[in-house]
C-alpha atoms as a PDB file:
ATOM      1  CA  UNK A   1      -0.020  -0.100   0.141  1.00  0.00           C
ATOM      2  CA  UNK A   2       1.041   3.546  -0.988  1.00  0.00           C
ATOM      3  CA  UNK A   3       2.499   5.777   1.815  1.00  0.00           C
ATOM      4  CA  UNK A   4       1.450   9.005   2.754  1.00  0.00           C
ATOM      5  CA  UNK A   5       5.128  10.208   1.629  1.00  0.00           C
ATOM      6  CA  UNK A   6       4.193   8.817  -2.098  1.00  0.00           C
ATOM      7  CA  UNK A   7       0.602  10.428  -2.249  1.00  0.00           C
ATOM      8  CA  UNK A   8       2.268  13.592  -1.362  1.00  0.00           C
ATOM      9  CA  UNK A   9       4.619  13.087  -4.001  1.00  0.00           C
ATOM     10  CA  UNK A  10       1.720  12.374  -6.433  1.00  0.00           C
ATOM     11  CA  UNK A  11       0.190  15.744  -5.370  1.00  0.00           C
ATOM     12  CA  UNK A  12       3.767  17.687  -5.853  1.00  0.00           C
ATOM     13  CA  UNK A  13       4.167  16.234  -9.644  1.00  0.00           C
ATOM     14  CA  UNK A  14       0.252  16.841 -10.398  1.00  0.00           C
ATOM     15  CA  UNK A  15       1.229  20.238  -8.737  1.00  0.00           C
ATOM     16  CA  UNK A  16       3.775  20.675 -11.004  1.00  0.00           C
ATOM     17  CA  UNK A  17       1.261  20.571 -14.372  1.00  0.00           C
ATOM     18  CA  UNK A  18      -0.377  23.967 -13.792  1.00  0.00           C
ATOM     19  CA  UNK A  19       1.211  25.866 -16.020  1.00  0.00           C
ATOM     20  CA  UNK A  20       0.939  23.880 -18.915  1.00  0.00           C
ATOM     21  CA  UNK A  21      -2.098  26.211 -20.393  1.00  0.00           C
ATOM     22  CA  UNK A  22       0.797  29.270 -19.777  1.00  0.00           C
ATOM     23  CA  UNK A  23       3.249  27.163 -21.825  1.00  0.00           C
ATOM     24  CA  UNK A  24       0.686  26.392 -24.283  1.00  0.00           C
ATOM     25  CA  UNK A  25      -0.532  29.961 -24.527  1.00  0.00           C
ATOM     26  CA  UNK A  26       3.206  31.276 -25.594  1.00  0.00           C
ATOM     27  CA  UNK A  27       3.872  28.524 -27.828  1.00  0.00           C
ATOM     28  CA  UNK A  28       0.900  29.134 -29.938  1.00  0.00           C
ATOM     29  CA  UNK A  29       1.926  33.085 -29.976  1.00  0.00           C
ATOM     30  CA  UNK A  30       5.606  32.536 -30.969  1.00  0.00           C
ATOM     31  CA  UNK A  31       3.881  29.864 -34.115  1.00  0.00           C
ATOM     32  CA  UNK A  32       1.856  32.568 -34.865  1.00  0.00           C
ATOM     33  CA  UNK A  33       4.420  35.449 -34.942  1.00  0.00           C
ATOM     34  CA  UNK A  34       6.560  32.587 -36.620  1.00  0.00           C
ATOM     35  CA  UNK A  35       3.933  32.087 -39.341  1.00  0.00           C
ATOM     36  CA  UNK A  36       3.492  35.819 -39.925  1.00  0.00           C
ATOM     37  CA  UNK A  37       7.005  36.497 -40.140  1.00  0.00           C
ATOM     38  CA  UNK A  38       8.501  33.652 -41.485  1.00  0.00           C
ATOM     39  CA  UNK A  39      11.476  35.481 -42.871  1.00  0.00           C
ATOM     40  CA  UNK A  40      12.908  35.794 -39.348  1.00  0.00           C
ATOM     41  CA  UNK A  41      13.509  31.932 -39.301  1.00  0.00           C
ATOM     42  CA  UNK A  42      15.069  31.574 -42.914  1.00  0.00           C
ATOM     43  CA  UNK A  43      18.115  29.404 -43.152  1.00  0.00           C
ATOM     44  CA  UNK A  44      19.292  31.814 -45.680  1.00  0.00           C
ATOM     45  CA  UNK A  45      19.922  34.541 -43.165  1.00  0.00           C
ATOM     46  CA  UNK A  46      21.156  31.991 -40.027  1.00  0.00           C
ATOM     47  CA  UNK A  47      22.535  29.061 -41.087  1.00  0.00           C
ATOM     48  CA  UNK A  48      23.276  27.770 -37.764  1.00  0.00           C
ATOM     49  CA  UNK A  49      19.436  27.329 -37.143  1.00  0.00           C
ATOM     50  CA  UNK A  50      18.971  24.838 -39.725  1.00  0.00           C
ATOM     51  CA  UNK A  51      19.026  21.694 -37.152  1.00  0.00           C
ATOM     52  CA  UNK A  52      17.585  23.391 -34.338  1.00  0.00           C
ATOM     53  CA  UNK A  53      14.792  24.993 -36.516  1.00  0.00           C
ATOM     54  CA  UNK A  54      13.790  21.716 -38.059  1.00  0.00           C
ATOM     55  CA  UNK A  55      13.243  19.962 -34.732  1.00  0.00           C
ATOM     56  CA  UNK A  56       9.547  21.206 -34.477  1.00  0.00           C
ATOM     57  CA  UNK A  57       7.345  20.948 -36.664  1.00  0.00           C
ATOM     58  CA  UNK A  58       5.987  24.058 -37.481  1.00  0.00           C
ATOM     59  CA  UNK A  59       9.489  25.322 -37.797  1.00  0.00           C
ATOM     60  CA  UNK A  60      10.149  22.122 -40.247  1.00  0.00           C
ATOM     61  CA  UNK A  61       7.707  23.503 -42.291  1.00  0.00           C
ATOM     62  CA  UNK A  62       8.707  27.339 -42.581  1.00  0.00           C
ATOM     63  CA  UNK A  63      11.834  26.326 -42.717  1.00  0.00           C
ATOM     64  CA  UNK A  64      10.677  23.957 -46.028  1.00  0.00           C
ATOM     65  CA  UNK A  65       9.056  27.051 -47.746  1.00  0.00           C
ATOM     66  CA  UNK A  66      12.028  29.021 -47.625  1.00  0.00           C
ATOM     67  CA  UNK A  67      14.844  26.613 -48.283  1.00  0.00           C
ATOM     68  CA  UNK A  68      13.778  25.431 -51.566  1.00  0.00           C
ATOM     69  CA  UNK A  69      13.891  29.344 -53.047  1.00  0.00           C
ATOM     70  CA  UNK A  70      10.041  29.919 -52.997  1.00  0.00           C
ATOM     71  CA  UNK A  71      10.617  33.745 -51.081  1.00  0.00           C
ATOM     72  CA  UNK A  72      13.800  35.407 -52.257  1.00  0.00           C
ATOM     73  CA  UNK A  73      16.631  36.938 -49.532  1.00  0.00           C
ATOM     74  CA  UNK A  74      15.875  40.085 -47.970  1.00  0.00           C
ATOM     75  CA  UNK A  75      17.118  43.377 -49.093  1.00  0.00           C
ATOM     76  CA  UNK A  76      17.684  44.107 -45.716  1.00  0.00           C
ATOM     77  CA  UNK A  77      21.009  45.898 -44.459  1.00  0.00           C
ATOM     78  CA  UNK A  78      23.402  43.572 -42.256  1.00  0.00           C
ATOM     79  CA  UNK A  79      22.038  45.453 -38.978  1.00  0.00           C
ATOM     80  CA  UNK A  80      18.561  44.444 -39.691  1.00  0.00           C
ATOM     81  CA  UNK A  81      19.929  40.888 -41.279  1.00  0.00           C
ATOM     82  CA  UNK A  82      21.322  40.414 -37.482  1.00  0.00           C
ATOM     83  CA  UNK A  83      18.191  41.747 -35.829  1.00  0.00           C
ATOM     84  CA  UNK A  84      16.103  39.120 -37.140  1.00  0.00           C
ATOM     85  CA  UNK A  85      18.829  36.362 -36.616  1.00  0.00           C
ATOM     86  CA  UNK A  86      18.784  36.981 -32.803  1.00  0.00           C
ATOM     87  CA  UNK A  87      15.053  37.223 -32.963  1.00  0.00           C
ATOM     88  CA  UNK A  88      14.924  33.815 -34.896  1.00  0.00           C
ATOM     89  CA  UNK A  89      17.120  32.408 -32.424  1.00  0.00           C
ATOM     90  CA  UNK A  90      15.266  33.319 -28.963  1.00  0.00           C
ATOM     91  CA  UNK A  91      11.998  32.015 -31.184  1.00  0.00           C
ATOM     92  CA  UNK A  92      13.620  28.988 -31.828  1.00  0.00           C
ATOM     93  CA  UNK A  93      15.035  28.353 -28.272  1.00  0.00           C
ATOM     94  CA  UNK A  94      11.591  29.318 -26.931  1.00  0.00           C
ATOM     95  CA  UNK A  95       9.641  26.896 -28.994  1.00  0.00           C
ATOM     96  CA  UNK A  96      12.288  23.801 -28.232  1.00  0.00           C
ATOM     97  CA  UNK A  97      11.734  24.943 -24.337  1.00  0.00           C
ATOM     98  CA  UNK A  98       7.952  24.931 -24.533  1.00  0.00           C
ATOM     99  CA  UNK A  99       7.856  21.556 -26.452  1.00  0.00           C
ATOM    100  CA  UNK A 100       9.905  19.986 -24.241  1.00  0.00           C
ATOM    101  CA  UNK A 101       7.837  21.425 -21.209  1.00  0.00           C
ATOM    102  CA  UNK A 102       4.688  20.270 -22.745  1.00  0.00           C
ATOM    103  CA  UNK A 103       6.334  16.510 -23.595  1.00  0.00           C
ATOM    104  CA  UNK A 104       7.711  16.433 -19.726  1.00  0.00           C
ATOM    105  CA  UNK A 105       3.599  17.216 -18.355  1.00  0.00           C
ATOM    106  CA  UNK A 106       2.808  14.463 -20.887  1.00  0.00           C
ATOM    107  CA  UNK A 107       5.153  11.826 -19.202  1.00  0.00           C
ATOM    108  CA  UNK A 108       4.184  13.105 -15.953  1.00  0.00           C
ATOM    109  CA  UNK A 109       0.357  12.535 -16.849  1.00  0.00           C
ATOM    110  CA  UNK A 110       1.508   8.917 -18.205  1.00  0.00           C
ATOM    111  CA  UNK A 111       3.460   8.612 -14.668  1.00  0.00           C
ATOM    112  CA  UNK A 112       0.401   9.580 -12.463  1.00  0.00           C
ATOM    113  CA  UNK A 113      -1.828   6.902 -14.439  1.00  0.00           C
ATOM    114  CA  UNK A 114       0.925   4.549 -13.963  1.00  0.00           C
ATOM    115  CA  UNK A 115       0.678   5.131 -10.174  1.00  0.00           C
ATOM    116  CA  UNK A 116      -2.639   5.295  -9.918  1.00  0.00           C
ATOM    117  CA  UNK A 117      -2.968   1.886 -11.418  1.00  0.00           C
ATOM    118  CA  UNK A 118      -0.321   0.648  -8.930  1.00  0.00           C
ATOM    119  CA  UNK A 119      -1.812   2.391  -5.866  1.00  0.00           C
ATOM    120  CA  UNK A 120      -5.527   0.682  -6.955  1.00  0.00           C
ATOM    121  CA  UNK A 121      -3.896  -2.445  -6.731  1.00  0.00           C
ATOM    122  CA  UNK A 122      -1.996  -2.185  -3.432  1.00  0.00           C
ATOM    123  CA  UNK A 123      -5.546  -0.673  -2.057  1.00  0.00           C
ATOM    124  CA  UNK A 124      -7.172  -3.789  -3.678  1.00  0.00           C
ATOM    125  CA  UNK A 125      -4.925  -6.189  -1.756  1.00  0.00           C
ATOM    126  CA  UNK A 126      -4.622  -4.417   1.103  1.00  0.00           C
ATOM    127  CA  UNK A 127      -8.631  -3.587   1.884  1.00  0.00           C
ATOM    128  CA  UNK A 128      -8.950  -6.550   4.450  1.00  0.00           C
ATOM    129  CA  UNK A 129      -6.412  -5.628   5.936  1.00  0.00           C
ATOM    130  CA  UNK A 130      -7.099  -2.130   7.276  1.00  0.00           C
ATOM    131  CA  UNK A 131     -10.630  -0.653   5.833  1.00  0.00           C
ATOM    132  CA  UNK A 132      -9.999   3.015   7.138  1.00  0.00           C
ATOM    133  CA  UNK A 133      -6.847   3.442   5.580  1.00  0.00           C
ATOM    134  CA  UNK A 134      -7.980   1.844   2.368  1.00  0.00           C
ATOM    135  CA  UNK A 135     -10.647   4.238   2.393  1.00  0.00           C
ATOM    136  CA  UNK A 136      -9.042   6.750   3.048  1.00  0.00           C
ATOM    137  CA  UNK A 137      -6.608   5.951   0.587  1.00  0.00           C
ATOM    138  CA  UNK A 138      -9.105   4.956  -2.324  1.00  0.00           C
ATOM    139  CA  UNK A 139     -10.180   9.076  -1.845  1.00  0.00           C
ATOM    140  CA  UNK A 140      -6.437  10.417  -2.480  1.00  0.00           C
ATOM    141  CA  UNK A 141      -6.441   7.769  -5.527  1.00  0.00           C
ATOM    142  CA  UNK A 142      -9.820   8.829  -7.099  1.00  0.00           C
ATOM    143  CA  UNK A 143      -8.869  12.765  -6.233  1.00  0.00           C
ATOM    144  CA  UNK A 144      -5.737  12.362  -7.882  1.00  0.00           C
ATOM    145  CA  UNK A 145      -7.747  10.530 -10.741  1.00  0.00           C
ATOM    146  CA  UNK A 146      -9.829  13.493 -11.410  1.00  0.00           C
ATOM    147  CA  UNK A 147      -6.524  15.604 -11.166  1.00  0.00           C
ATOM    148  CA  UNK A 148      -5.928  13.789 -14.390  1.00  0.00           C
ATOM    149  CA  UNK A 149      -8.407  13.498 -15.841  1.00  0.00           C
ATOM    150  CA  UNK A 150      -8.918  17.381 -15.488  1.00  0.00           C
ATOM    151  CA  UNK A 151      -5.178  18.023 -17.051  1.00  0.00           C
ATOM    152  CA  UNK A 152      -6.563  15.763 -20.184  1.00  0.00           C
ATOM    153  CA  UNK A 153      -9.529  17.781 -20.354  1.00  0.00           C
ATOM    154  CA  UNK A 154      -7.684  20.814 -20.459  1.00  0.00           C
ATOM    155  CA  UNK A 155      -4.866  19.260 -22.694  1.00  0.00           C
ATOM    156  CA  UNK A 156      -7.933  18.455 -25.502  1.00  0.00           C
ATOM    157  CA  UNK A 157      -9.273  21.599 -25.195  1.00  0.00           C
ATOM    158  CA  UNK A 158      -6.093  23.698 -25.484  1.00  0.00           C
ATOM    159  CA  UNK A 159      -5.531  21.406 -28.780  1.00  0.00           C
ATOM    160  CA  UNK A 160      -9.000  22.529 -30.065  1.00  0.00           C
ATOM    161  CA  UNK A 161      -8.136  26.219 -29.253  1.00  0.00           C
ATOM    162  CA  UNK A 162      -5.176  26.044 -31.728  1.00  0.00           C
ATOM    163  CA  UNK A 163      -7.157  24.419 -34.433  1.00  0.00           C
ATOM    164  CA  UNK A 164      -9.817  26.754 -34.027  1.00  0.00           C
ATOM    165  CA  UNK A 165      -7.326  29.447 -34.095  1.00  0.00           C
ATOM    166  CA  UNK A 166      -5.722  28.274 -37.277  1.00  0.00           C
ATOM    167  CA  UNK A 167      -9.115  28.154 -39.122  1.00  0.00           C
ATOM    168  CA  UNK A 168     -10.064  31.701 -38.101  1.00  0.00           C
ATOM    169  CA  UNK A 169      -7.261  32.933 -39.556  1.00  0.00           C
ATOM    170  CA  UNK A 170      -8.214  30.936 -42.896  1.00  0.00           C
ATOM    171  CA  UNK A 171     -11.855  32.702 -42.752  1.00  0.00           C
ATOM    172  CA  UNK A 172      -9.751  36.015 -42.067  1.00  0.00           C
ATOM    173  CA  UNK A 173      -7.818  35.616 -45.166  1.00  0.00           C
ATOM    174  CA  UNK A 174     -11.012  35.111 -47.202  1.00  0.00           C
ATOM    175  CA  UNK A 175     -13.161  37.569 -45.780  1.00  0.00           C
ATOM    176  CA  UNK A 176     -10.171  40.602 -46.332  1.00  0.00           C
ATOM    177  CA  UNK A 177      -9.927  38.967 -49.995  1.00  0.00           C
ATOM    178  CA  UNK A 178     -13.699  39.124 -50.103  1.00  0.00           C
ATOM    179  CA  UNK A 179     -14.016  42.787 -48.916  1.00  0.00           C
ATOM    180  CA  UNK A 180     -11.409  43.897 -51.467  1.00  0.00           C
ATOM    181  CA  UNK A 181     -13.773  42.586 -54.290  1.00  0.00           C
ATOM    182  CA  UNK A 182     -16.505  44.090 -52.690  1.00  0.00           C
ATOM    183  CA  UNK A 183     -14.616  47.346 -52.479  1.00  0.00           C
ATOM    184  CA  UNK A 184     -13.716  47.369 -56.350  1.00  0.00           C
ATOM    185  CA  UNK A 185     -17.636  46.508 -57.076  1.00  0.00           C
ATOM    186  CA  UNK A 186     -18.616  49.627 -54.996  1.00  0.00           C
ATOM    187  CA  UNK A 187     -16.283  51.766 -56.628  1.00  0.00           C
ATOM    188  CA  UNK A 188     -17.207  50.748 -60.149  1.00  0.00           C
ATOM    189  CA  UNK A 189     -20.990  51.091 -59.496  1.00  0.00           C
ATOM    190  CA  UNK A 190     -20.025  55.071 -57.715  1.00  0.00           C
ATOM    191  CA  UNK A 191     -18.332  55.862 -61.226  1.00  0.00           C
ATOM    192  CA  UNK A 192     -21.310  54.771 -63.120  1.00  0.00           C
ATOM    193  CA  UNK A 193     -23.536  56.491 -60.601  1.00  0.00           C
ATOM    194  CA  UNK A 194     -21.773  59.734 -61.017  1.00  0.00           C
ATOM    195  CA  UNK A 195     -21.869  59.213 -64.516  1.00  0.00           C
ATOM    196  CA  UNK A 196     -25.648  58.820 -64.837  1.00  0.00           C
ATOM    197  CA  UNK A 197     -26.229  61.787 -62.484  1.00  0.00           C
ATOM    198  CA  UNK A 198     -23.968  64.228 -65.072  1.00  0.00           C
ATOM    199  CA  UNK A 199     -26.048  62.741 -68.165  1.00  0.00           C
ATOM    200  CA  UNK A 200     -29.420  63.803 -66.196  1.00  0.00           C
ATOM    201  CA  UNK A 201     -28.161  66.920 -65.270  1.00  0.00           C
ATOM    202  CA  UNK A 202     -26.707  67.915 -68.812  1.00  0.00           C
ATOM    203  CA  UNK A 203     -30.403  66.274 -69.818  1.00  0.00           C
ATOM    204  CA  UNK A 204     -32.184  68.795 -67.509  1.00  0.00           C
ATOM    205  CA  UNK A 205     -30.252  71.686 -68.204  1.00  0.00           C
ATOM    206  CA  UNK A 206     -31.058  71.359 -71.919  1.00  0.00           C
ATOM    207  CA  UNK A 207     -34.822  71.199 -71.037  1.00  0.00           C
ATOM    208  CA  UNK A 208     -34.743  74.387 -69.463  1.00  0.00           C
ATOM    209  CA  UNK A 209     -33.071  75.514 -72.124  1.00  0.00           C
ATOM    210  CA  UNK A 210     -35.984  74.596 -74.853  1.00  0.00           C
ATOM    211  CA  UNK A 211     -38.635  75.683 -71.598  1.00  0.00           C
ATOM    212  CA  UNK A 212     -37.513  79.049 -71.678  1.00  0.00           C
ATOM    213  CA  UNK A 213     -37.587  79.282 -75.097  1.00  0.00           C
ATOM    214  CA  UNK A 214     -41.040  78.152 -75.495  1.00  0.00           C
ATOM    215  CA  UNK A 215     -42.179  80.896 -72.518  1.00  0.00           C
ATOM    216  CA  UNK A 216     -40.706  83.518 -74.128  1.00  0.00           C
ATOM    217  CA  UNK A 217     -42.519  82.752 -77.248  1.00  0.00           C
ATOM    218  CA  UNK A 218     -45.655  82.417 -75.441  1.00  0.00           C
ATOM    219  CA  UNK A 219     -45.613  85.427 -73.501  1.00  0.00           C
ATOM    220  CA  UNK A 220     -44.971  87.299 -76.717  1.00  0.00           C
ATOM    221  CA  UNK A 221     -47.703  85.740 -78.299  1.00  0.00           C
ATOM    222  CA  UNK A 222     -50.062  86.640 -75.278  1.00  0.00           C
ATOM    223  CA  UNK A 223     -49.065  90.018 -75.334  1.00  0.00           C
ATOM    224  CA  UNK A 224     -49.611  90.420 -79.287  1.00  0.00           C
ATOM    225  CA  UNK A 225     -53.407  88.497 -78.377  1.00  0.00           C
ATOM    226  CA  UNK A 226     -54.121  90.920 -75.608  1.00  0.00           C
ATOM    227  CA  UNK A 227     -53.109  94.521 -77.668  1.00  0.00           C
ATOM    228  CA  UNK A 228     -55.132  92.692 -80.551  1.00  0.00           C
ATOM    229  CA  UNK A 229     -58.025  91.763 -78.285  1.00  0.00           C
ATOM    230  CA  UNK A 230     -57.708  95.194 -76.474  1.00  0.00           C
ATOM    231  CA  UNK A 231     -58.054  96.825 -80.128  1.00  0.00           C
ATOM    232  CA  UNK A 232     -61.231  94.687 -80.708  1.00  0.00           C
ATOM    233  CA  UNK A 233     -63.527  96.018 -78.061  1.00  0.00           C
ATOM    234  CA  UNK A 234     -64.510  99.092 -79.841  1.00  0.00           C
ATOM    235  CA  UNK A 235     -67.492  99.292 -81.338  1.00  0.00           C
ATOM    236  CA  UNK A 236     -65.877  99.687 -84.673  1.00  0.00           C
ATOM    237  CA  UNK A 237     -63.825  96.487 -84.334  1.00  0.00           C
ATOM    238  CA  UNK A 238     -64.294  92.976 -84.758  1.00  0.00           C
ATOM    239  CA  UNK A 239     -67.681  91.009 -84.206  1.00  0.00           C
ATOM    240  CA  UNK A 240     -68.195  89.275 -80.822  1.00  0.00           C
ATOM    241  CA  UNK A 241     -67.630  86.101 -82.044  1.00  0.00           C
ATOM    242  CA  UNK A 242     -64.056  87.167 -83.102  1.00  0.00           C
ATOM    243  CA  UNK A 243     -63.688  88.901 -79.759  1.00  0.00           C
ATOM    244  CA  UNK A 244     -64.520  85.643 -77.776  1.00  0.00           C
ATOM    245  CA  UNK A 245     -62.375  83.351 -80.139  1.00  0.00           C
ATOM    246  CA  UNK A 246     -59.226  85.595 -79.303  1.00  0.00           C
ATOM    247  CA  UNK A 247     -60.369  85.816 -75.359  1.00  0.00           C
ATOM    248  CA  UNK A 248     -60.460  81.638 -75.386  1.00  0.00           C
ATOM    249  CA  UNK A 249     -57.483  81.842 -77.111  1.00  0.00           C
ATOM    250  CA  UNK A 250     -55.949  83.960 -74.662  1.00  0.00           C
ATOM    251  CA  UNK A 251     -57.507  81.905 -71.845  1.00  0.00           C
ATOM    252  CA  UNK A 252     -55.550  78.588 -73.559  1.00  0.00           C
ATOM    253  CA  UNK A 253     -52.374  80.080 -73.778  1.00  0.00           C
ATOM    254  CA  UNK A 254     -52.465  81.524 -70.095  1.00  0.00           C
ATOM    255  CA  UNK A 255     -52.677  77.809 -69.032  1.00  0.00           C
ATOM    256  CA  UNK A 256     -50.387  76.709 -71.565  1.00  0.00           C
ATOM    257  CA  UNK A 257     -47.785  79.289 -69.777  1.00  0.00           C
ATOM    258  CA  UNK A 258     -48.993  78.063 -66.132  1.00  0.00           C
ATOM    259  CA  UNK A 259     -48.299  74.342 -67.090  1.00  0.00           C
ATOM    260  CA  UNK A 260     -44.481  75.440 -68.794  1.00  0.00           C
ATOM    261  CA  UNK A 261     -43.794  77.369 -65.294  1.00  0.00           C
ATOM    262  CA  UNK A 262     -44.958  74.322 -63.456  1.00  0.00           C
ATOM    263  CA  UNK A 263     -42.854  72.010 -65.432  1.00  0.00           C
ATOM    264  CA  UNK A 264     -39.863  74.555 -65.646  1.00  0.00           C
ATOM    265  CA  UNK A 265     -40.145  74.798 -61.357  1.00  0.00           C
ATOM    266  CA  UNK A 266     -39.988  70.776 -61.152  1.00  0.00           C
ATOM    267  CA  UNK A 267     -37.172  70.693 -63.871  1.00  0.00           C
ATOM    268  CA  UNK A 268     -35.293  73.263 -61.641  1.00  0.00           C
ATOM    269  CA  UNK A 269     -36.051  71.368 -58.248  1.00  0.00           C
ATOM    270  CA  UNK A 270     -34.258  68.432 -60.205  1.00  0.00           C
ATOM    271  CA  UNK A 271     -31.232  70.029 -61.080  1.00  0.00           C
ATOM    272  CA  UNK A 272     -30.733  71.195 -57.465  1.00  0.00           C
ATOM    273  CA  UNK A 273     -31.053  67.705 -56.290  1.00  0.00           C
ATOM    274  CA  UNK A 274     -28.404  66.573 -58.943  1.00  0.00           C
ATOM    275  CA  UNK A 275     -25.932  69.374 -58.121  1.00  0.00           C
ATOM    276  CA  UNK A 276     -26.136  68.455 -54.609  1.00  0.00           C
ATOM    277  CA  UNK A 277     -26.115  64.664 -55.544  1.00  0.00           C
ATOM    278  CA  UNK A 278     -23.267  65.414 -57.523  1.00  0.00           C
ATOM    279  CA  UNK A 279     -21.422  67.360 -54.809  1.00  0.00           C
ATOM    280  CA  UNK A 280     -21.388  64.126 -52.818  1.00  0.00           C
ATOM    281  CA  UNK A 281     -19.374  62.499 -55.029  1.00  0.00           C
ATOM    282  CA  UNK A 282     -16.437  65.367 -55.750  1.00  0.00           C
END
């Protein structure tokens, strides 16, 4: 049966895994930065890193993408290159350290599982000798088992988070491409709207000029008819039928002038709106 010292040792080893979330988070950040700045890990800048960088899957993939010549060497000066080399060495060392710690935590979990199996076996064999101690030990063992299950669940959750973040990155890239296409389409539509408004403004301007000419001609005709009707009111003038006909023509001309004036006001209002619309695009 395991002693109290052995149980305390198990607790200490389990507590040593509590920083795995911090370790996984740091590893994720460094991997994302390596993806965003793969030039910093290029063997063309730092040949000494060839062996060390290939020790991790992420760095190996980044290294292979650059080593086959798909990305040309940087044209930066020597100071920038040295800075990138130092940063790449620091990242590589940190990544290796974190991966080593994660591997250690996994080994600790496996050891705890083995110790748990041994403790259960010892508990089973000692159950007839000391029932009270066996129950206490069983509670301790179950507590350690729960800790192990929690750690495994958290490790699994961290892996899911890594997968989700990778998927989110792909989705963001697709959204950026879609937004670029939508922006170009909106710009093209804006240019078409401006051209259409300009054409409508030019047409309205021509209509205004024609209406003004028609109104001037009608006003001249009204003046002429009024003069003619005024001269025919004398007893020596035209007959009553002619006078009535002239009055009716005068009335019709005045109505037509009113209609043209209303149309002119409408067109002027539209012109003003078109000018305001065009001003928004300029």
